[in-house]
Amino acid sequence: MAVTQLDLYNDALFILGERELATIDEDVEPRHVLDQAWTKARDYCLQQGHWKFALRSSKFDFTPSVTPAFGYSRAIEKPSDYIRTSRVCSDEFFNSPYSQYTEEQGFWYSELDSLYIQYVSNDTNYGYDYSAWPETFSYFVAAYLAFRIRRRIMPSLEAREIAQELATAKDNALSKDAVEGPTQQLPVGKWVNARHGGRRKSYYDRTTRGV
């Protein structure tokens, strides 16, 4: 059974020792505070791992209207549902990891016309598909919601209590995700990339964008 927004709100309130909501539009202060934290909480939690249920793989071509002033000659614009990069490869089967790239200002920069990229997505068919959320990830989101709203709802509650609950929920979610499905090859780190000749030049304020 898919988790609902109301379920997550109520889990967060349970962690705080507060009364559950009867409906998602109940006109009470806790619900309004939860609404304010809702979108950022989901994206924050998605950013914390290479969650298999949220991974999306696509071929991306370079953006002709964006010309880097120097360094890598190709710029690929990140999609609107992008949360974080998981894998970058030069082949469609993701057998050839590609490390000669950098990320900045909403783009991937490289020397290739096209890249095959797997990324964590918040599209409703991926990261925002609640029916695909494992229970441990759902609880992680609820714990983060509780952490975000604690000062408004329970100002007397010790922050370290909720912080510990959140840390445990995150660890459990990451552990469960790690053992499900085939092992994924994560992207090469910047230090390793540099050791293999990757360029680490900054691309800040270096692009000339066409009309």
C-alpha atoms as a PDB file:
ATOM      1  CA  MET A   1       0.000   0.000   0.000  1.00  0.00           C
ATOM      2  CA  ALA A   2       1.411   3.352  -1.063  1.00  0.00           C
ATOM      3  CA  VAL A   3       2.239   5.873   1.610  1.00  0.00           C
ATOM      4  CA  THR A   4       0.280   9.123   1.464  1.00  0.00           C
ATOM      5  CA  GLN A   5       1.155  12.689   2.348  1.00  0.00           C
ATOM      6  CA  LEU A   6      -1.221  12.396   5.302  1.00  0.00           C
ATOM      7  CA  ASP A   7       0.604   9.274   6.505  1.00  0.00           C
ATOM      8  CA  LEU A   8       3.919  11.113   6.456  1.00  0.00           C
ATOM      9  CA  TYR A   9       2.467  14.132   8.251  1.00  0.00           C
ATOM     10  CA  ASN A  10       1.041  11.893  10.948  1.00  0.00           C
ATOM     11  CA  ASP A  11       4.280   9.948  11.333  1.00  0.00           C
ATOM     12  CA  ALA A  12       6.104  13.243  11.830  1.00  0.00           C
ATOM     13  CA  LEU A  13       3.565  14.358  14.432  1.00  0.00           C
ATOM     14  CA  PHE A  14       3.796  10.980  16.176  1.00  0.00           C
ATOM     15  CA  ILE A  15       7.557  11.412  16.496  1.00  0.00           C
ATOM     16  CA  LEU A  16       6.915  14.782  18.125  1.00  0.00           C
ATOM     17  CA  GLY A  17       4.242  13.346  20.421  1.00  0.00           C
ATOM     18  CA  GLU A  18       1.505  15.424  18.800  1.00  0.00           C
ATOM     19  CA  ARG A  19      -2.063  14.593  17.817  1.00  0.00           C
ATOM     20  CA  GLU A  20      -2.539  13.087  14.367  1.00  0.00           C
ATOM     21  CA  LEU A  21      -4.415  14.919  11.616  1.00  0.00           C
ATOM     22  CA  ALA A  22      -7.830  13.641  10.573  1.00  0.00           C
ATOM     23  CA  THR A  23      -7.461  14.915   6.985  1.00  0.00           C
ATOM     24  CA  ILE A  24      -4.727  16.440   4.853  1.00  0.00           C
ATOM     25  CA  ASP A  25      -6.549  19.791   4.781  1.00  0.00           C
ATOM     26  CA  GLU A  26      -7.409  20.032   8.479  1.00  0.00           C
ATOM     27  CA  ASP A  27      -7.226  23.708   9.446  1.00  0.00           C
ATOM     28  CA  VAL A  28      -4.796  23.484  12.350  1.00  0.00           C
ATOM     29  CA  GLU A  29      -1.332  24.950  12.949  1.00  0.00           C
ATOM     30  CA  PRO A  30       0.663  21.666  12.675  1.00  0.00           C
ATOM     31  CA  ARG A  31      -0.748  21.000   9.213  1.00  0.00           C
ATOM     32  CA  HIS A  32       0.124  24.517   7.994  1.00  0.00           C
ATOM     33  CA  VAL A  33       3.671  24.176   9.327  1.00  0.00           C
ATOM     34  CA  LEU A  34       4.051  20.768   7.680  1.00  0.00           C
ATOM     35  CA  ASP A  35       2.835  22.198   4.369  1.00  0.00           C
ATOM     36  CA  GLN A  36       5.620  24.784   4.502  1.00  0.00           C
ATOM     37  CA  ALA A  37       8.271  22.085   4.991  1.00  0.00           C
ATOM     38  CA  TRP A  38       6.824  19.476   2.634  1.00  0.00           C
ATOM     39  CA  THR A  39       8.522  20.048  -0.746  1.00  0.00           C
ATOM     40  CA  LYS A  40      11.954  20.887   0.646  1.00  0.00           C
ATOM     41  CA  ALA A  41      11.797  17.839   2.912  1.00  0.00           C
ATOM     42  CA  ARG A  42      11.188  15.450   0.022  1.00  0.00           C
ATOM     43  CA  ASP A  43      13.983  16.885  -2.106  1.00  0.00           C
ATOM     44  CA  TYR A  44      16.392  17.020   0.829  1.00  0.00           C
ATOM     45  CA  CYS A  45      15.841  13.339   1.579  1.00  0.00           C
ATOM     46  CA  LEU A  46      16.200  12.392  -2.083  1.00  0.00           C
ATOM     47  CA  GLN A  47      19.545  14.226  -2.155  1.00  0.00           C
ATOM     48  CA  GLN A  48      20.929  12.024   0.614  1.00  0.00           C
ATOM     49  CA  GLY A  49      21.351   8.840  -1.415  1.00  0.00           C
ATOM     50  CA  HIS A  50      21.406   7.146  -4.805  1.00  0.00           C
ATOM     51  CA  TRP A  51      17.947   5.708  -4.139  1.00  0.00           C
ATOM     52  CA  LYS A  52      17.152   2.932  -6.599  1.00  0.00           C
ATOM     53  CA  PHE A  53      13.443   3.783  -6.731  1.00  0.00           C
ATOM     54  CA  ALA A  54      14.304   7.347  -7.808  1.00  0.00           C
ATOM     55  CA  LEU A  55      17.019   6.614 -10.398  1.00  0.00           C
ATOM     56  CA  ARG A  56      16.328   7.745 -13.952  1.00  0.00           C
ATOM     57  CA  SER A  57      18.613   7.055 -16.925  1.00  0.00           C
ATOM     58  CA  SER A  58      18.650   9.191 -20.066  1.00  0.00           C
ATOM     59  CA  LYS A  59      20.780  10.193 -23.011  1.00  0.00           C
ATOM     60  CA  PHE A  60      21.565  13.901 -22.991  1.00  0.00           C
ATOM     61  CA  ASP A  61      22.852  15.882 -25.972  1.00  0.00           C
ATOM     62  CA  PHE A  62      24.845  19.066 -25.629  1.00  0.00           C
ATOM     63  CA  THR A  63      23.056  22.426 -25.645  1.00  0.00           C
ATOM     64  CA  PRO A  64      24.093  24.331 -28.819  1.00  0.00           C
ATOM     65  CA  SER A  65      22.987  27.702 -27.418  1.00  0.00           C
ATOM     66  CA  VAL A  66      25.486  27.512 -24.532  1.00  0.00           C
ATOM     67  CA  THR A  67      29.157  28.022 -25.423  1.00  0.00           C
ATOM     68  CA  PRO A  68      31.706  27.694 -22.607  1.00  0.00           C
ATOM     69  CA  ALA A  69      34.321  30.468 -22.749  1.00  0.00           C
ATOM     70  CA  PHE A  70      37.143  27.997 -22.092  1.00  0.00           C
ATOM     71  CA  GLY A  71      37.778  24.500 -20.747  1.00  0.00           C
ATOM     72  CA  TYR A  72      35.327  21.807 -21.767  1.00  0.00           C
ATOM     73  CA  SER A  73      33.671  22.647 -25.084  1.00  0.00           C
ATOM     74  CA  ARG A  74      30.248  21.060 -24.555  1.00  0.00           C
ATOM     75  CA  ALA A  75      27.524  22.016 -22.080  1.00  0.00           C
ATOM     76  CA  ILE A  76      24.557  19.759 -21.299  1.00  0.00           C
ATOM     77  CA  GLU A  77      21.665  21.315 -19.409  1.00  0.00           C
ATOM     78  CA  LYS A  78      20.342  19.403 -16.421  1.00  0.00           C
ATOM     79  CA  PRO A  79      16.655  18.404 -16.543  1.00  0.00           C
ATOM     80  CA  SER A  80      14.029  20.069 -14.362  1.00  0.00           C
ATOM     81  CA  ASP A  81      13.539  16.904 -12.269  1.00  0.00           C
ATOM     82  CA  TYR A  82      17.254  16.605 -11.445  1.00  0.00           C
ATOM     83  CA  ILE A  83      18.252  16.052  -7.809  1.00  0.00           C
ATOM     84  CA  ARG A  84      21.764  14.551  -7.951  1.00  0.00           C
ATOM     85  CA  THR A  85      24.035  12.689 -10.339  1.00  0.00           C
ATOM     86  CA  SER A  86      24.476   8.978  -9.851  1.00  0.00           C
ATOM     87  CA  ARG A  87      26.405   7.763 -12.923  1.00  0.00           C
ATOM     88  CA  VAL A  88      27.843   9.349 -16.065  1.00  0.00           C
ATOM     89  CA  CYS A  89      28.828   7.058 -18.932  1.00  0.00           C
ATOM     90  CA  SER A  90      29.772   7.274 -22.587  1.00  0.00           C
ATOM     91  CA  ASP A  91      27.662   4.268 -23.624  1.00  0.00           C
ATOM     92  CA  GLU A  92      23.982   3.435 -23.448  1.00  0.00           C
ATOM     93  CA  PHE A  93      24.551   0.266 -21.395  1.00  0.00           C
ATOM     94  CA  PHE A  94      26.391   2.189 -18.662  1.00  0.00           C
ATOM     95  CA  ASN A  95      29.421  -0.077 -18.985  1.00  0.00           C
ATOM     96  CA  SER A  96      31.925   2.736 -19.636  1.00  0.00           C
ATOM     97  CA  PRO A  97      32.038   5.265 -16.802  1.00  0.00           C
ATOM     98  CA  TYR A  98      33.049   8.724 -18.010  1.00  0.00           C
ATOM     99  CA  SER A  99      34.991  10.938 -15.616  1.00  0.00           C
ATOM    100  CA  GLN A 100      36.111  13.802 -17.861  1.00  0.00           C
ATOM    101  CA  TYR A 101      33.296  16.164 -16.922  1.00  0.00           C
ATOM    102  CA  THR A 102      32.335  18.732 -14.324  1.00  0.00           C
ATOM    103  CA  GLU A 103      29.041  20.070 -12.972  1.00  0.00           C
ATOM    104  CA  GLU A 104      28.173  23.678 -12.403  1.00  0.00           C
ATOM    105  CA  GLN A 105      25.361  26.215 -12.747  1.00  0.00           C
ATOM    106  CA  GLY A 106      22.779  23.644 -13.855  1.00  0.00           C
ATOM    107  CA  PHE A 107      24.991  22.052 -16.522  1.00  0.00           C
ATOM    108  CA  TRP A 108      27.298  19.105 -17.092  1.00  0.00           C
ATOM    109  CA  TYR A 109      30.418  20.156 -19.026  1.00  0.00           C
ATOM    110  CA  SER A 110      32.489  17.734 -21.096  1.00  0.00           C
ATOM    111  CA  GLU A 111      34.075  17.164 -24.508  1.00  0.00           C
ATOM    112  CA  LEU A 112      31.397  14.760 -25.764  1.00  0.00           C
ATOM    113  CA  ASP A 113      28.342  15.683 -27.806  1.00  0.00           C
ATOM    114  CA  SER A 114      26.233  13.245 -25.761  1.00  0.00           C
ATOM    115  CA  LEU A 115      26.391  11.624 -22.347  1.00  0.00           C
ATOM    116  CA  TYR A 116      24.375   8.803 -20.791  1.00  0.00           C
ATOM    117  CA  ILE A 117      23.491   9.920 -17.301  1.00  0.00           C
ATOM    118  CA  GLN A 118      21.721   8.239 -14.433  1.00  0.00           C
ATOM    119  CA  TYR A 119      20.426  10.639 -11.819  1.00  0.00           C
ATOM    120  CA  VAL A 120      18.109  10.829  -8.849  1.00  0.00           C
ATOM    121  CA  SER A 121      14.864  12.344 -10.104  1.00  0.00           C
ATOM    122  CA  ASN A 122      11.934  13.948  -8.320  1.00  0.00           C
ATOM    123  CA  ASP A 123       9.583  13.247 -11.216  1.00  0.00           C
ATOM    124  CA  THR A 124       6.214  11.798 -10.160  1.00  0.00           C
ATOM    125  CA  ASN A 125       7.170   8.534 -11.894  1.00  0.00           C
ATOM    126  CA  TYR A 126      10.436   8.317  -9.963  1.00  0.00           C
ATOM    127  CA  GLY A 127      11.371  10.024  -6.690  1.00  0.00           C
ATOM    128  CA  TYR A 128       7.897  11.486  -6.141  1.00  0.00           C
ATOM    129  CA  ASP A 129       6.163   8.171  -6.815  1.00  0.00           C
ATOM    130  CA  TYR A 130       5.092   7.354  -3.253  1.00  0.00           C
ATOM    131  CA  SER A 131       3.997   3.854  -4.223  1.00  0.00           C
ATOM    132  CA  ALA A 132       7.673   3.024  -4.842  1.00  0.00           C
ATOM    133  CA  TRP A 133       8.930   4.364  -1.508  1.00  0.00           C
ATOM    134  CA  PRO A 134      10.224   1.663   0.860  1.00  0.00           C
ATOM    135  CA  GLU A 135       8.904   1.980   4.412  1.00  0.00           C
ATOM    136  CA  THR A 136      12.340   2.959   5.668  1.00  0.00           C
ATOM    137  CA  PHE A 137      12.569   5.871   3.225  1.00  0.00           C
ATOM    138  CA  SER A 138       9.046   6.988   4.119  1.00  0.00           C
ATOM    139  CA  TYR A 139      10.013   7.055   7.780  1.00  0.00           C
ATOM    140  CA  PHE A 140      13.197   8.963   6.922  1.00  0.00           C
ATOM    141  CA  VAL A 141      11.076  11.668   5.262  1.00  0.00           C
ATOM    142  CA  ALA A 142       8.726  11.738   8.262  1.00  0.00           C
ATOM    143  CA  ALA A 143      11.670  12.048  10.655  1.00  0.00           C
ATOM    144  CA  TYR A 144      13.099  14.911   8.627  1.00  0.00           C
ATOM    145  CA  LEU A 145       9.721  16.643   8.624  1.00  0.00           C
ATOM    146  CA  ALA A 146       9.607  16.283  12.410  1.00  0.00           C
ATOM    147  CA  PHE A 147      13.118  17.722  12.662  1.00  0.00           C
ATOM    148  CA  ARG A 148      12.225  20.688  10.446  1.00  0.00           C
ATOM    149  CA  ILE A 149       9.045  21.667  12.294  1.00  0.00           C
ATOM    150  CA  ARG A 150      10.075  20.826  15.869  1.00  0.00           C
ATOM    151  CA  ARG A 151      10.740  24.446  16.907  1.00  0.00           C
ATOM    152  CA  ARG A 152       7.279  25.557  15.788  1.00  0.00           C
ATOM    153  CA  ILE A 153       5.361  22.602  17.171  1.00  0.00           C
ATOM    154  CA  MET A 154       7.372  21.491  20.208  1.00  0.00           C
ATOM    155  CA  PRO A 155       9.823  24.270  21.157  1.00  0.00           C
ATOM    156  CA  SER A 156      10.589  22.596  24.491  1.00  0.00           C
ATOM    157  CA  LEU A 157      11.702  19.345  22.854  1.00  0.00           C
ATOM    158  CA  GLU A 158      15.454  18.701  22.921  1.00  0.00           C
ATOM    159  CA  ALA A 159      16.851  18.972  19.382  1.00  0.00           C
ATOM    160  CA  ARG A 160      19.271  16.100  19.965  1.00  0.00           C
ATOM    161  CA  GLU A 161      16.384  13.683  20.535  1.00  0.00           C
ATOM    162  CA  ILE A 162      14.909  14.353  17.104  1.00  0.00           C
ATOM    163  CA  ALA A 163      18.368  14.553  15.521  1.00  0.00           C
ATOM    164  CA  GLN A 164      19.150  11.037  16.750  1.00  0.00           C
ATOM    165  CA  GLU A 165      15.828   9.734  15.452  1.00  0.00           C
ATOM    166  CA  LEU A 166      16.565  11.331  12.087  1.00  0.00           C
ATOM    167  CA  ALA A 167      20.106   9.918  11.918  1.00  0.00           C
ATOM    168  CA  THR A 168      18.837   6.414  12.665  1.00  0.00           C
ATOM    169  CA  ALA A 169      16.039   6.700  10.092  1.00  0.00           C
ATOM    170  CA  LYS A 170      18.499   7.873   7.429  1.00  0.00           C
ATOM    171  CA  ASP A 171      20.944   5.038   8.152  1.00  0.00           C
ATOM    172  CA  ASN A 172      18.162   2.439   8.003  1.00  0.00           C
ATOM    173  CA  ALA A 173      16.862   3.797   4.710  1.00  0.00           C
ATOM    174  CA  LEU A 174      20.319   3.853   3.125  1.00  0.00           C
ATOM    175  CA  SER A 175      21.086   0.341   4.376  1.00  0.00           C
ATOM    176  CA  LYS A 176      17.863  -1.085   2.944  1.00  0.00           C
ATOM    177  CA  ASP A 177      18.408   0.628  -0.381  1.00  0.00           C
ATOM    178  CA  ALA A 178      21.987  -0.688  -0.573  1.00  0.00           C
ATOM    179  CA  VAL A 179      20.939  -4.334  -0.346  1.00  0.00           C
ATOM    180  CA  GLU A 180      18.099  -4.114  -2.880  1.00  0.00           C
ATOM    181  CA  GLY A 181      18.868  -4.838  -6.520  1.00  0.00           C
ATOM    182  CA  PRO A 182      22.267  -5.003  -8.245  1.00  0.00           C
ATOM    183  CA  THR A 183      25.201  -3.008  -6.970  1.00  0.00           C
ATOM    184  CA  GLN A 184      25.476   0.323  -8.728  1.00  0.00           C
ATOM    185  CA  GLN A 185      28.789   1.859  -9.705  1.00  0.00           C
ATOM    186  CA  LEU A 186      28.820   5.326  -8.195  1.00  0.00           C
ATOM    187  CA  PRO A 187      30.352   8.336  -9.935  1.00  0.00           C
ATOM    188  CA  VAL A 188      34.090   8.897  -9.718  1.00  0.00           C
ATOM    189  CA  GLY A 189      34.964  11.368  -6.996  1.00  0.00           C
ATOM    190  CA  LYS A 190      36.647  14.680  -7.770  1.00  0.00           C
ATOM    191  CA  TRP A 191      39.918  13.597  -6.146  1.00  0.00           C
ATOM    192  CA  VAL A 192      40.064  10.411  -8.216  1.00  0.00           C
ATOM    193  CA  ASN A 193      39.049  12.372 -11.291  1.00  0.00           C
ATOM    194  CA  ALA A 194      41.896  14.829 -10.721  1.00  0.00           C
ATOM    195  CA  ARG A 195      44.377  11.972 -10.266  1.00  0.00           C
ATOM    196  CA  HIS A 196      43.363  10.665 -13.694  1.00  0.00           C
ATOM    197  CA  GLY A 197      43.774  13.953 -15.480  1.00  0.00           C
ATOM    198  CA  GLY A 198      40.276  15.337 -15.059  1.00  0.00           C
ATOM    199  CA  ARG A 199      39.954  19.092 -15.242  1.00  0.00           C
ATOM    200  CA  ARG A 200      38.665  20.873 -12.175  1.00  0.00           C
ATOM    201  CA  LYS A 201      38.508  24.411 -13.538  1.00  0.00           C
ATOM    202  CA  SER A 202      35.622  26.508 -12.353  1.00  0.00           C
ATOM    203  CA  TYR A 203      32.887  27.312 -14.844  1.00  0.00           C
ATOM    204  CA  TYR A 204      31.357  30.072 -12.777  1.00  0.00           C
ATOM    205  CA  ASP A 205      30.418  33.004 -15.023  1.00  0.00           C
ATOM    206  CA  ARG A 206      32.067  31.390 -18.017  1.00  0.00           C
ATOM    207  CA  THR A 207      29.212  30.676 -20.373  1.00  0.00           C
ATOM    208  CA  THR A 208      27.870  32.807 -23.156  1.00  0.00           C
ATOM    209  CA  ARG A 209      24.274  31.812 -23.683  1.00  0.00           C
ATOM    210  CA  GLY A 210      22.584  32.317 -26.981  1.00  0.00           C
ATOM    211  CA  VAL A 211      19.195  33.920 -27.350  1.00  0.00           C
END
